[in-house]
Every structure is written in C-alpha cells, then in structure tokens.
Protein backbone atom coordinates (compact mmCIF):
# COMPACT_ATOMS: atom_id res chain seq x y z
CA UNK A 1 -26.36 -17.81 -39.94
CA UNK A 2 -26.64 -21.53 -39.09
CA UNK A 3 -23.91 -24.01 -38.24
CA UNK A 4 -25.06 -27.54 -36.88
CA UNK A 5 -22.01 -29.03 -34.97
CA UNK A 6 -22.48 -32.90 -35.00
CA UNK A 7 -19.39 -34.38 -31.74
CA UNK A 8 -18.77 -38.02 -32.67
CA UNK A 9 -16.42 -37.53 -29.93
CA UNK A 10 -17.45 -40.67 -27.59
CA UNK A 11 -17.00 -38.22 -25.00
CA UNK A 12 -19.22 -36.07 -26.11
CA UNK A 13 -19.91 -33.02 -24.51
CA UNK A 14 -17.04 -33.83 -21.95
CA UNK A 15 -14.06 -34.62 -23.95
CA UNK A 16 -11.87 -32.12 -26.40
CA UNK A 17 -14.47 -31.52 -28.56
CA UNK A 18 -17.92 -30.52 -26.42
CA UNK A 19 -14.59 -27.94 -25.10
CA UNK A 20 -13.86 -26.98 -29.23
CA UNK A 21 -17.55 -26.09 -29.08
CA UNK A 22 -17.67 -24.49 -26.25
CA UNK A 23 -14.83 -21.92 -27.22
CA UNK A 24 -16.48 -21.88 -31.42
CA UNK A 25 -19.87 -21.00 -29.24
CA UNK A 26 -17.90 -18.03 -27.45
CA UNK A 27 -16.02 -16.80 -29.94
CA UNK A 28 -18.61 -16.61 -32.83
CA UNK A 29 -21.78 -15.20 -31.25
CA UNK A 30 -22.82 -14.13 -35.06
CA UNK A 31 -24.15 -17.74 -35.71
CA UNK A 32 -26.92 -19.83 -34.33
CA UNK A 33 -25.26 -23.30 -33.11
CA UNK A 34 -27.10 -26.26 -33.19
CA UNK A 35 -25.36 -28.27 -31.87
CA UNK A 36 -25.85 -32.38 -31.32
CA UNK A 37 -23.81 -34.93 -28.86
CA UNK A 38 -23.60 -38.17 -31.26
CA UNK A 39 -22.39 -40.52 -27.98
CA UNK A 40 -26.81 -39.70 -26.74
CA UNK A 41 -28.35 -38.99 -30.23
CA UNK A 42 -28.95 -41.15 -33.39
CA UNK A 43 -29.93 -40.19 -36.57
CA UNK A 44 -33.66 -39.59 -36.89
CA UNK A 45 -36.49 -37.07 -37.83
CA UNK A 46 -35.37 -35.12 -34.99
CA UNK A 47 -31.33 -34.98 -36.15
CA UNK A 48 -32.38 -35.26 -40.22
CA UNK A 49 -34.37 -31.25 -39.34
CA UNK A 50 -32.18 -30.18 -37.90
CA UNK A 51 -29.39 -30.68 -40.45
CA UNK A 52 -31.35 -29.56 -43.63
CA UNK A 53 -32.36 -26.24 -41.65
CA UNK A 54 -28.34 -26.02 -41.44
CA UNK A 55 -26.86 -23.66 -43.80
CA UNK A 56 -23.41 -25.51 -42.94
CA UNK A 57 -22.25 -28.27 -40.99
CA UNK A 58 -19.08 -28.81 -38.22
CA UNK A 59 -18.13 -31.96 -37.91
CA UNK A 60 -16.13 -32.38 -34.93
CA UNK A 61 -14.18 -35.56 -33.80
CA UNK A 62 -11.69 -37.37 -31.69
CA UNK A 63 -8.86 -39.83 -33.46
CA UNK A 64 -9.55 -43.74 -31.85
CA UNK A 65 -7.20 -46.39 -32.75
CA UNK A 66 -6.78 -44.42 -36.66
CA UNK A 67 -10.43 -43.72 -37.05
CA UNK A 68 -12.97 -40.82 -36.13
CA UNK A 69 -15.08 -42.16 -33.04
CA UNK A 70 -17.84 -44.88 -32.74
CA UNK A 71 -21.21 -42.29 -32.24
CA UNK A 72 -19.72 -40.53 -35.80
CA UNK A 73 -18.86 -43.59 -37.48
CA UNK A 74 -22.79 -45.05 -36.53
CA UNK A 75 -23.73 -41.03 -37.41
CA UNK A 76 -22.14 -41.99 -40.56
CA UNK A 77 -23.89 -46.14 -41.41
CA UNK A 78 -26.82 -44.38 -39.96
CA UNK A 79 -27.45 -41.09 -42.69
CA UNK A 80 -26.51 -43.64 -46.08
CA UNK A 81 -29.83 -43.03 -47.22
CA UNK A 82 -28.76 -39.10 -47.41
CA UNK A 83 -26.09 -40.62 -49.43
CA UNK A 84 -27.67 -37.57 -52.50
CA UNK A 85 -30.15 -36.52 -51.39
CA UNK A 86 -31.30 -32.82 -51.27
CA UNK A 87 -30.69 -31.86 -47.55
CA UNK A 88 -26.76 -32.90 -48.34
CA UNK A 89 -25.94 -32.05 -51.34
CA UNK A 90 -23.45 -29.09 -52.13
CA UNK A 91 -24.53 -28.50 -48.29
CA UNK A 92 -20.90 -27.39 -47.16
CA UNK A 93 -19.32 -29.15 -43.79
CA UNK A 94 -16.00 -28.90 -41.70
CA UNK A 95 -14.29 -30.78 -39.54
CA UNK A 96 -12.34 -30.94 -37.06
CA UNK A 97 -10.05 -33.91 -35.56
CA UNK A 98 -9.00 -34.04 -32.53
CA UNK A 99 -5.53 -36.46 -31.92
CA UNK A 100 -2.89 -36.50 -29.25
CA UNK A 101 0.35 -37.34 -31.65
CA UNK A 102 -0.48 -39.54 -34.70
CA UNK A 103 -3.46 -40.41 -37.13
CA UNK A 104 -5.51 -36.74 -37.10
CA UNK A 105 -4.82 -35.77 -40.42
CA UNK A 106 -5.49 -39.63 -42.20
CA UNK A 107 -8.36 -39.60 -40.00
CA UNK A 108 -9.60 -35.85 -41.76
CA UNK A 109 -8.46 -37.25 -45.80
CA UNK A 110 -10.99 -39.78 -44.68
CA UNK A 111 -13.86 -38.59 -43.15
CA UNK A 112 -13.65 -35.95 -46.02
CA UNK A 113 -14.05 -38.71 -48.46
CA UNK A 114 -16.90 -39.60 -46.78
CA UNK A 115 -18.87 -36.58 -47.20
CA UNK A 116 -18.20 -35.24 -50.49
CA UNK A 117 -19.10 -38.84 -51.65
CA UNK A 118 -22.22 -38.48 -50.00
CA UNK A 119 -22.79 -35.40 -51.73
CA UNK A 120 -21.25 -32.49 -48.93
CA UNK A 121 -19.62 -29.51 -50.22
CA UNK A 122 -16.51 -29.40 -49.04
CA UNK A 123 -14.93 -26.28 -48.78
CA UNK A 124 -11.36 -24.65 -49.27
CA UNK A 125 -9.47 -25.01 -45.87
CA UNK A 126 -12.33 -26.32 -44.21
CA UNK A 127 -10.53 -29.32 -42.36
CA UNK A 128 -7.40 -29.91 -39.54
CA UNK A 129 -6.53 -32.10 -37.68
CA UNK A 130 -5.69 -30.47 -33.75
CA UNK A 131 -3.01 -32.50 -31.88
CA UNK A 132 -1.97 -31.70 -27.86
CA UNK A 133 1.07 -32.26 -29.62
CA UNK A 134 0.28 -28.72 -32.18
CA UNK A 135 -0.92 -27.63 -28.51
CA UNK A 136 2.30 -27.86 -26.07
CA UNK A 137 4.44 -26.74 -29.63
CA UNK A 138 2.03 -23.51 -29.53
CA UNK A 139 2.33 -22.56 -25.89
CA UNK A 140 6.10 -23.03 -25.57
CA UNK A 141 5.74 -20.59 -28.73
CA UNK A 142 7.92 -22.76 -30.28
CA UNK A 143 9.18 -21.63 -33.65
CA UNK A 144 8.12 -24.35 -35.49
CA UNK A 145 4.17 -23.56 -34.02
CA UNK A 146 3.10 -22.27 -36.99
CA UNK A 147 3.31 -25.85 -38.90
CA UNK A 148 0.50 -26.89 -36.21
CA UNK A 149 -3.04 -27.09 -37.14
CA UNK A 150 -3.98 -24.20 -34.22
CA UNK A 151 -7.27 -23.45 -32.32
CA UNK A 152 -7.61 -19.56 -33.80
CA UNK A 153 -7.61 -22.37 -37.67
CA UNK A 154 -11.03 -22.96 -36.26
CA UNK A 155 -12.21 -19.64 -37.03
CA UNK A 156 -10.65 -19.69 -40.16
CA UNK A 157 -13.35 -23.05 -41.06
CA UNK A 158 -16.05 -21.11 -40.01
CA UNK A 159 -15.17 -17.83 -41.72
CA UNK A 160 -14.97 -20.15 -45.02
CA UNK A 161 -18.20 -22.34 -44.23
CA UNK A 162 -19.93 -19.27 -43.94
CA UNK A 163 -18.00 -17.70 -47.46
CA UNK A 164 -19.29 -21.20 -48.58
CA UNK A 165 -23.18 -21.91 -47.60
CA UNK A 166 -23.99 -18.20 -49.75
CA UNK A 167 -22.58 -19.52 -53.07
CA UNK A 168 -25.61 -22.07 -54.26
CA UNK A 169 -25.20 -23.68 -57.55
CA UNK A 170 -26.92 -26.67 -59.57
CA UNK A 171 -24.81 -29.61 -58.41
CA UNK A 172 -26.14 -32.74 -59.97
CA UNK A 173 -25.82 -36.19 -58.69
CA UNK A 174 -25.97 -39.63 -59.62
CA UNK A 175 -28.74 -41.97 -58.44
CA UNK A 176 -28.86 -43.96 -55.69
CA UNK A 177 -31.22 -47.03 -54.94
CA UNK A 178 -33.47 -45.32 -52.01
CA UNK A 179 -35.87 -48.15 -51.64
CA UNK A 180 -33.14 -51.78 -51.37
CA UNK A 181 -30.49 -50.39 -50.51
CA UNK A 182 -30.14 -52.18 -47.48
CA UNK A 183 -31.36 -55.17 -48.47
CA UNK A 184 -29.10 -58.68 -48.30
CA UNK A 185 -27.77 -59.50 -51.90
CA UNK A 186 -25.33 -62.56 -50.61
CA UNK A 187 -27.00 -65.27 -52.58
C-alpha cells in the first residue's frame, strides 16, 4: 500500500502538519509513504509520477484566513489539468485540516468538494479537522473530548484509504477541454 502525502501547510515539514506526517510514518509502518511538501515543490512531472504511483492520497493543511494553505492552493490550480484524468478518477483521497479553534470543518468540506469534482474518491470517514481545542480537551480528559476529532482518528482515515484502494470500479467521467482550458475567453 502506497500513500502519497501532500503537505499543503505554509510551514512545510516544520509545522504541525509535518509533525503529523512523522506520527503517521511511525504508527503505520506497513504503508509505503511518499511525501511532498508543497511549500518547496510544485506540480510537474515528478509530482505527477508520484501521484500516479500512489494507491491513495492524504492531504494535510492548516487553516489560514478561512482557507487551506497557499501551497495547497497553488497545487490545486496547477493540477487543474488532472480533472477527470485517469490518474485521479476513483483514486481514494483523505484530508486532515488543522486549526487553532475554528474554520477547519468548513475548509475540509470545501476541499473535499474540490477533490471530488476533480475525480478523486472520498471514502467514508476520510476527512477530519484537528484542532488545538480538541487536543487540549483530550489532554485534560474532558468528557466532551469525544466530540472532537483526535489524532487517533487519522488511523481510521488511513484504514479507510486502504479499504477504498482495494476496490476497483469502472468510474465514468465527463469530457474536459484539455487543449484550451487556460485560453483567455474574455472578449
């Protein structure tokens, strides 16, 4: 099982998303992890090859002004050519959006909508918004901590990505203009 992690944080490997990557690698040694820190990488043949080789994709990002990180935004804009492409149609994708207190769930929902429209498969229980508030609540064994996503929930996301990657379907996709989609159309 090979999972490509796209770290869309503006802090790259040095931020909270980077800490989660290290935890995942330690916790799931049965997975072949491939990591791209989008802060220092851009879409191109190398990243496309990693995407094609992956059985599933896991995206990590922080929440910045009600959106995902600018490295992830740049990737999504550059990877627009992948909409309805065989390399992504039906490929399972999960997402973990980090936030200090608010906004992460909304960012997660929008991100999953974009990924689904591109053609990725969103398995059940494959997205979470992890918050500082939830971490503090769990650390103090607050009875309401179960209402927050916890780091352990990442294990469920990984398991569901594994399950989804084992299933193969003959997905259909709509036609996409691959020649002129960046053409100026304002007259």
